[in-house]
Protein backbone atom coordinates (compact mmCIF):
# COMPACT_ATOMS: atom_id res chain seq x y z
CA MET A 1 4.05 -5.70 -103.59
CA ASN A 2 1.97 -2.63 -102.94
CA VAL A 3 3.13 -0.86 -99.79
CA LEU A 4 5.61 2.01 -99.76
CA TRP A 5 6.80 3.94 -96.69
CA LEU A 6 7.76 7.61 -97.09
CA SER A 7 9.56 9.53 -94.36
CA HIS A 8 8.82 13.02 -95.66
CA PRO A 9 5.40 14.66 -95.31
CA PHE A 10 3.03 14.27 -98.23
CA ILE A 11 2.24 17.33 -100.33
CA LYS A 12 -0.93 18.02 -102.30
CA ASP A 13 0.85 17.73 -105.65
CA ASP A 14 1.97 14.18 -104.78
CA ILE A 15 -1.60 13.15 -104.05
CA VAL A 16 -3.15 14.89 -107.05
CA SER A 17 -0.56 13.59 -109.52
CA ASN A 18 -0.63 9.99 -108.23
CA ARG A 19 -4.36 9.21 -108.25
CA ASP A 20 -3.80 5.44 -108.49
CA ALA A 21 -2.04 5.35 -105.13
CA ILE A 22 -3.75 5.32 -101.73
CA TRP A 23 -2.25 7.95 -99.47
CA ILE A 24 -2.46 6.91 -95.81
CA TYR A 25 -2.77 9.42 -92.99
CA THR A 26 -3.49 9.20 -89.28
CA ASP A 27 -6.48 10.96 -87.76
CA ASN A 28 -8.65 11.22 -84.69
CA GLU A 29 -12.09 9.65 -84.37
CA LEU A 30 -13.70 13.07 -84.56
CA ARG A 31 -12.00 13.74 -87.91
CA GLU A 32 -11.38 17.31 -86.84
CA GLY A 33 -8.33 19.57 -86.65
CA GLY A 34 -4.95 18.88 -88.16
CA GLY A 35 -4.82 21.82 -90.53
CA GLU A 36 -5.29 22.36 -94.23
CA MET A 37 -3.43 19.25 -95.41
CA LYS A 38 -5.43 16.96 -93.15
CA GLU A 39 -8.68 18.52 -94.42
CA PHE A 40 -7.46 18.05 -98.00
CA MET A 41 -6.70 14.37 -97.36
CA ARG A 42 -10.06 13.77 -95.65
CA ALA A 43 -11.81 15.07 -98.76
CA ASN A 44 -9.84 12.95 -101.26
CA GLU A 45 -11.09 9.53 -102.31
CA ASN A 46 -7.55 8.27 -102.86
CA CYS A 47 -6.62 9.00 -99.22
CA HIS A 48 -7.27 6.49 -96.43
CA THR A 49 -7.26 7.19 -92.71
CA LEU A 50 -5.95 5.10 -89.85
CA ILE A 51 -7.53 6.20 -86.59
CA THR A 52 -4.82 6.58 -83.93
CA ARG A 53 -6.37 9.17 -81.64
CA GLU A 54 -9.65 9.52 -79.83
CA THR A 55 -9.54 13.32 -79.90
CA ILE A 56 -7.46 16.18 -81.29
CA GLY A 57 -3.88 16.88 -80.19
CA LYS A 58 -1.01 15.12 -78.48
CA ASP A 59 -3.18 14.15 -75.51
CA GLY A 60 -5.80 12.64 -77.81
CA TYR A 61 -4.07 9.29 -78.40
CA PHE A 62 -6.02 6.25 -77.33
CA ARG A 63 -5.76 5.26 -73.70
CA GLU A 64 -5.99 1.74 -72.32
CA ASP A 65 -9.58 2.29 -71.27
CA ASN A 66 -10.60 2.66 -74.93
CA ILE A 67 -11.76 -0.46 -76.74
CA GLU A 68 -10.19 -1.40 -80.06
CA ARG A 69 -12.95 0.45 -81.90
CA SER A 70 -12.27 1.02 -85.54
CA ILE A 71 -8.52 0.39 -85.64
CA GLN A 72 -8.94 -3.10 -87.04
CA ASN A 73 -11.71 -2.03 -89.44
CA HIS A 74 -9.57 0.70 -90.98
CA PHE A 75 -6.69 -1.71 -91.51
CA ASN A 76 -9.02 -4.32 -93.00
CA ALA A 77 -10.39 -1.76 -95.45
CA LEU A 78 -6.85 -0.74 -96.38
CA GLN A 79 -5.79 -4.34 -96.90
CA ILE A 80 -8.73 -4.90 -99.27
CA ARG A 81 -7.65 -1.88 -101.34
CA ILE A 82 -4.05 -3.17 -101.46
CA LYS A 83 -5.24 -6.61 -102.59
CA GLN A 84 -7.21 -4.87 -105.35
CA GLY A 85 -3.87 -3.64 -106.68
CA LYS A 86 -3.74 -0.15 -105.17
CA LEU A 87 -0.39 1.21 -104.01
CA ALA A 88 -0.64 2.26 -100.34
CA ILE A 89 1.77 4.99 -99.29
CA LEU A 90 2.21 5.25 -95.53
CA PRO A 91 3.73 8.13 -93.54
CA THR A 92 6.67 6.71 -91.58
CA ILE A 93 6.94 9.58 -89.10
CA GLU A 94 3.21 9.71 -88.27
CA ILE A 95 2.93 5.93 -87.85
CA ASN A 96 6.04 5.77 -85.64
CA GLU A 97 4.75 8.65 -83.52
CA ALA A 98 1.41 6.89 -83.11
CA ILE A 99 3.14 3.67 -82.01
CA ILE A 100 5.29 5.52 -79.45
CA GLU A 101 2.29 7.34 -77.95
CA MET A 102 0.10 4.24 -77.94
CA ASP A 103 2.92 2.24 -76.29
CA LYS A 104 2.92 4.84 -73.49
CA HIS A 105 -0.81 5.19 -73.00
CA ALA A 106 -2.44 2.05 -74.42
CA PRO A 107 -0.03 -0.90 -74.66
CA ILE A 108 -2.74 -3.43 -75.51
CA LEU A 109 -4.14 -1.26 -78.32
CA SER A 110 -0.59 -0.58 -79.44
CA GLU A 111 -0.03 -4.30 -79.91
CA THR A 112 -3.18 -4.49 -82.08
CA PHE A 113 -1.99 -1.52 -84.12
CA LYS A 114 1.50 -3.03 -84.58
CA LYS A 115 0.05 -6.39 -85.64
CA CYS A 116 -2.06 -4.58 -88.24
CA ILE A 117 1.06 -2.76 -89.50
CA GLU A 118 2.88 -6.10 -89.73
CA THR A 119 0.04 -7.51 -91.84
CA ILE A 120 0.14 -4.50 -94.17
CA ASN A 121 3.94 -4.77 -94.41
CA LYS A 122 3.58 -8.20 -96.02
CA PHE A 123 2.75 -6.21 -99.16
CA LYS A 124 5.76 -3.87 -98.81
CA LEU A 125 7.75 -2.90 -101.89
CA THR A 126 11.30 -4.18 -101.90
CA THR A 127 12.53 -1.90 -104.68
CA LEU A 128 11.43 1.27 -106.46
CA ILE A 129 12.78 0.26 -109.90
């Protein structure tokens, strides 16, 4: 099983010292903003984005008038990396926040996002030993 959920924010040292893992982060389609850590993750090959927003900020989450766009593609690419044996580490707080906001503003897209999460969770670790 190759999926681990962490509730605390990732730090650079975690990412640098665990190069075999894939560090998942949420981003907007513009791939802009988010601060120094987001820029660091965008530039790292062992980081993988899940697009949850159309634009920057709290109001940037997808709305119902958006099409599914790249949500499915990003999950498919992540699933391939997991099947290749990579450990995917997902940010619990960011993913939950994305689901809450998408439920409010884009229920149909939210269902797609949740189904993708369910698929990824099939690879979830059951123990850390």
